[in-house]
Amino acid sequence: MRLICTACPSIIERSKLEILHSQGKSSRAIAQELGRHPSTIYRELDGNDP
């Protein structure tokens, strides 16, 4: 049985993160809007940048 990572953003959160980031929102503003810790957002953006 595979456990779901509750620390990892969901597909919906990742979509919102991408939209907010493309709108020029800061990582801290995105974190506040999604109810996540800023470090989670920093990691997502760092890992998903081309």
Protein backbone atom coordinates (compact mmCIF):
# COMPACT_ATOMS: atom_id res chain seq x y z
CA MET A 1 0.00 0.00 0.00
CA ARG A 2 1.34 3.41 -0.96
CA LEU A 3 1.02 6.31 1.48
CA ILE A 4 0.01 9.77 0.32
CA CYS A 5 2.51 12.50 1.11
CA THR A 6 0.57 15.15 3.03
CA ALA A 7 3.56 17.52 2.95
CA CYS A 8 3.57 17.52 -0.85
CA PRO A 9 1.25 19.90 -2.70
CA SER A 10 -1.63 18.31 -4.57
CA ILE A 11 -2.13 18.63 -8.32
CA ILE A 12 -4.70 21.37 -7.68
CA GLU A 13 -2.30 23.27 -5.41
CA ARG A 14 0.48 22.92 -7.98
CA SER A 15 -1.83 24.34 -10.66
CA LYS A 16 -2.74 27.29 -8.43
CA LEU A 17 0.94 27.78 -7.59
CA GLU A 18 1.81 27.91 -11.28
CA ILE A 19 -0.93 30.45 -12.01
CA LEU A 20 -0.01 32.67 -9.06
CA HIS A 21 3.69 32.49 -9.93
CA SER A 22 2.98 33.44 -13.56
CA GLN A 23 1.01 36.44 -12.24
CA GLY A 24 4.18 37.63 -10.51
CA LYS A 25 3.15 36.80 -6.94
CA SER A 26 5.97 36.30 -4.46
CA SER A 27 6.66 32.89 -2.93
CA ARG A 28 5.54 34.17 0.47
CA ALA A 29 2.27 35.52 -0.97
CA ILE A 30 1.62 32.20 -2.72
CA ALA A 31 2.36 30.29 0.49
CA GLN A 32 -0.06 32.45 2.44
CA GLU A 33 -2.78 32.05 -0.18
CA LEU A 34 -2.38 28.26 -0.33
CA GLY A 35 -1.98 27.85 3.42
CA ARG A 36 1.48 26.29 3.03
CA HIS A 37 4.84 27.02 4.58
CA PRO A 38 6.98 29.28 2.37
CA SER A 39 9.75 26.66 2.20
CA THR A 40 7.31 24.25 0.54
CA ILE A 41 6.63 26.83 -2.17
CA TYR A 42 10.35 27.59 -2.59
CA ARG A 43 11.07 23.87 -3.08
CA GLU A 44 8.28 23.47 -5.62
CA LEU A 45 9.38 26.48 -7.63
CA ASP A 46 13.05 25.48 -7.48
CA GLY A 47 12.30 21.93 -8.58
CA ASN A 48 9.93 22.88 -11.37
CA ASP A 49 11.85 25.72 -13.00
CA PRO A 50 13.24 24.77 -16.42
